[in-house]
Amino acid sequence: MQTQVEALGEKRVEAIEKFNRAISDNSVKNNPQAYAYEIAPAFVAFGDKQKALDWLEKAEAANNHSFNFIEVDPRLDSLHAEPRFEALSKKLRTPRNK
């Protein structure tokens, strides 16, 4: 969250570097169920929609609980018109086979 705030301020370059180091850590990149969803809004704050969508796709694939909120999370509003986001929203509304 701190990185998302810094991304909007004067420390943008530092925030991006700090964030990239954090998501490169094995404890983060190997645990998409815990982290993937929250990484996406940070990429939105950095202006990188494609990477944000990459992480939302990881969150969906990992059955991340927070993925259920993609359509109402205001941090993701700028993604709503993206075809990949629309596809993810459709998956959210489609029941999974058990």
Protein backbone atom coordinates (compact mmCIF):
# COMPACT_ATOMS: atom_id res chain seq x y z
CA MET A 1 0.00 0.00 0.00
CA GLN A 2 2.84 2.38 0.84
CA THR A 3 4.28 1.80 -2.61
CA GLN A 4 0.93 2.69 -4.22
CA VAL A 5 0.88 5.99 -2.33
CA GLU A 6 4.49 6.76 -3.19
CA ALA A 7 3.77 6.00 -6.86
CA LEU A 8 1.42 8.95 -6.93
CA GLY A 9 3.94 11.31 -5.34
CA GLU A 10 7.41 12.63 -5.91
CA LYS A 11 9.11 9.33 -5.06
CA ARG A 12 7.69 7.52 -8.10
CA VAL A 13 10.98 6.11 -9.44
CA GLU A 14 12.03 4.92 -6.00
CA ALA A 15 8.59 3.39 -5.44
CA ILE A 16 8.76 1.46 -8.72
CA GLU A 17 12.23 0.14 -7.89
CA LYS A 18 11.18 -0.86 -4.36
CA PHE A 19 8.04 -2.51 -5.70
CA ASN A 20 9.92 -4.47 -8.38
CA ARG A 21 12.34 -5.77 -5.75
CA ALA A 22 9.45 -6.82 -3.53
CA ILE A 23 7.57 -8.73 -6.22
CA SER A 24 10.77 -10.42 -7.35
CA ASP A 25 11.13 -12.07 -3.97
CA ASN A 26 10.31 -15.78 -4.12
CA SER A 27 7.92 -15.51 -1.18
CA VAL A 28 5.79 -13.14 -3.26
CA LYS A 29 6.10 -14.45 -6.81
CA ASN A 30 5.58 -18.06 -5.72
CA ASN A 31 2.43 -17.26 -3.74
CA PRO A 32 -0.12 -15.71 -6.13
CA GLN A 33 -3.01 -16.77 -3.93
CA ALA A 34 -1.81 -14.37 -1.26
CA TYR A 35 -0.29 -11.52 -3.28
CA ALA A 36 -1.37 -11.41 -6.92
CA TYR A 37 -4.53 -9.39 -6.46
CA GLU A 38 -2.88 -6.63 -4.40
CA ILE A 39 -0.02 -6.32 -6.86
CA ALA A 40 -2.41 -5.40 -9.67
CA PRO A 41 -3.60 -2.04 -8.24
CA ALA A 42 0.02 -1.01 -7.70
CA PHE A 43 0.68 -1.51 -11.41
CA VAL A 44 -2.44 0.55 -12.15
CA ALA A 45 -1.00 3.33 -9.98
CA PHE A 46 2.26 3.10 -11.97
CA GLY A 47 0.26 3.38 -15.20
CA ASP A 48 1.04 -0.14 -16.41
CA LYS A 49 -2.33 -1.66 -17.27
CA GLN A 50 -0.92 -4.73 -18.99
CA LYS A 51 1.11 -5.81 -15.97
CA ALA A 52 -1.89 -5.10 -13.75
CA LEU A 53 -3.96 -7.41 -15.92
CA ASP A 54 -1.20 -10.04 -15.86
CA TRP A 55 -1.41 -10.09 -12.06
CA LEU A 56 -5.22 -10.17 -12.05
CA GLU A 57 -5.03 -13.20 -14.32
CA LYS A 58 -2.62 -14.80 -11.84
CA ALA A 59 -5.03 -13.98 -9.01
CA GLU A 60 -7.91 -15.61 -10.90
CA ALA A 61 -5.86 -18.71 -11.72
CA ALA A 62 -4.80 -19.03 -8.06
CA ASN A 63 -8.39 -18.68 -6.81
CA ASN A 64 -7.40 -15.57 -4.86
CA HIS A 65 -10.39 -14.59 -2.72
CA SER A 66 -9.97 -10.88 -3.44
CA PHE A 67 -10.47 -11.57 -7.15
CA ASN A 68 -14.19 -11.58 -6.34
CA PHE A 69 -13.99 -7.79 -5.97
CA ILE A 70 -12.50 -6.84 -9.34
CA GLU A 71 -15.69 -5.22 -10.61
CA VAL A 72 -16.15 -3.01 -7.54
CA ASP A 73 -12.58 -2.21 -6.51
CA PRO A 74 -12.15 1.51 -7.36
CA ARG A 75 -8.39 1.03 -7.77
CA LEU A 76 -9.13 -1.01 -10.89
CA ASP A 77 -11.64 1.38 -12.50
CA SER A 78 -9.24 2.37 -15.29
CA LEU A 79 -9.08 -1.27 -16.43
CA HIS A 80 -12.80 -1.81 -16.98
CA ALA A 81 -12.71 -0.99 -20.71
CA GLU A 82 -9.80 -3.35 -21.37
CA PRO A 83 -10.80 -6.56 -23.21
CA ARG A 84 -8.69 -8.68 -20.85
CA PHE A 85 -10.47 -7.17 -17.86
CA GLU A 86 -13.84 -7.85 -19.48
CA ALA A 87 -12.79 -11.49 -19.98
CA LEU A 88 -11.80 -11.72 -16.32
CA SER A 89 -15.12 -10.21 -15.27
CA LYS A 90 -16.91 -12.80 -17.36
CA LYS A 91 -14.96 -15.57 -15.62
CA LEU A 92 -16.00 -14.11 -12.29
CA ARG A 93 -19.65 -14.41 -13.24
CA THR A 94 -19.29 -17.91 -14.70
CA PRO A 95 -19.72 -20.73 -12.18
CA ARG A 96 -16.76 -23.07 -11.97
CA ASN A 97 -17.19 -26.83 -12.24
CA LYS A 98 -16.27 -28.61 -9.03
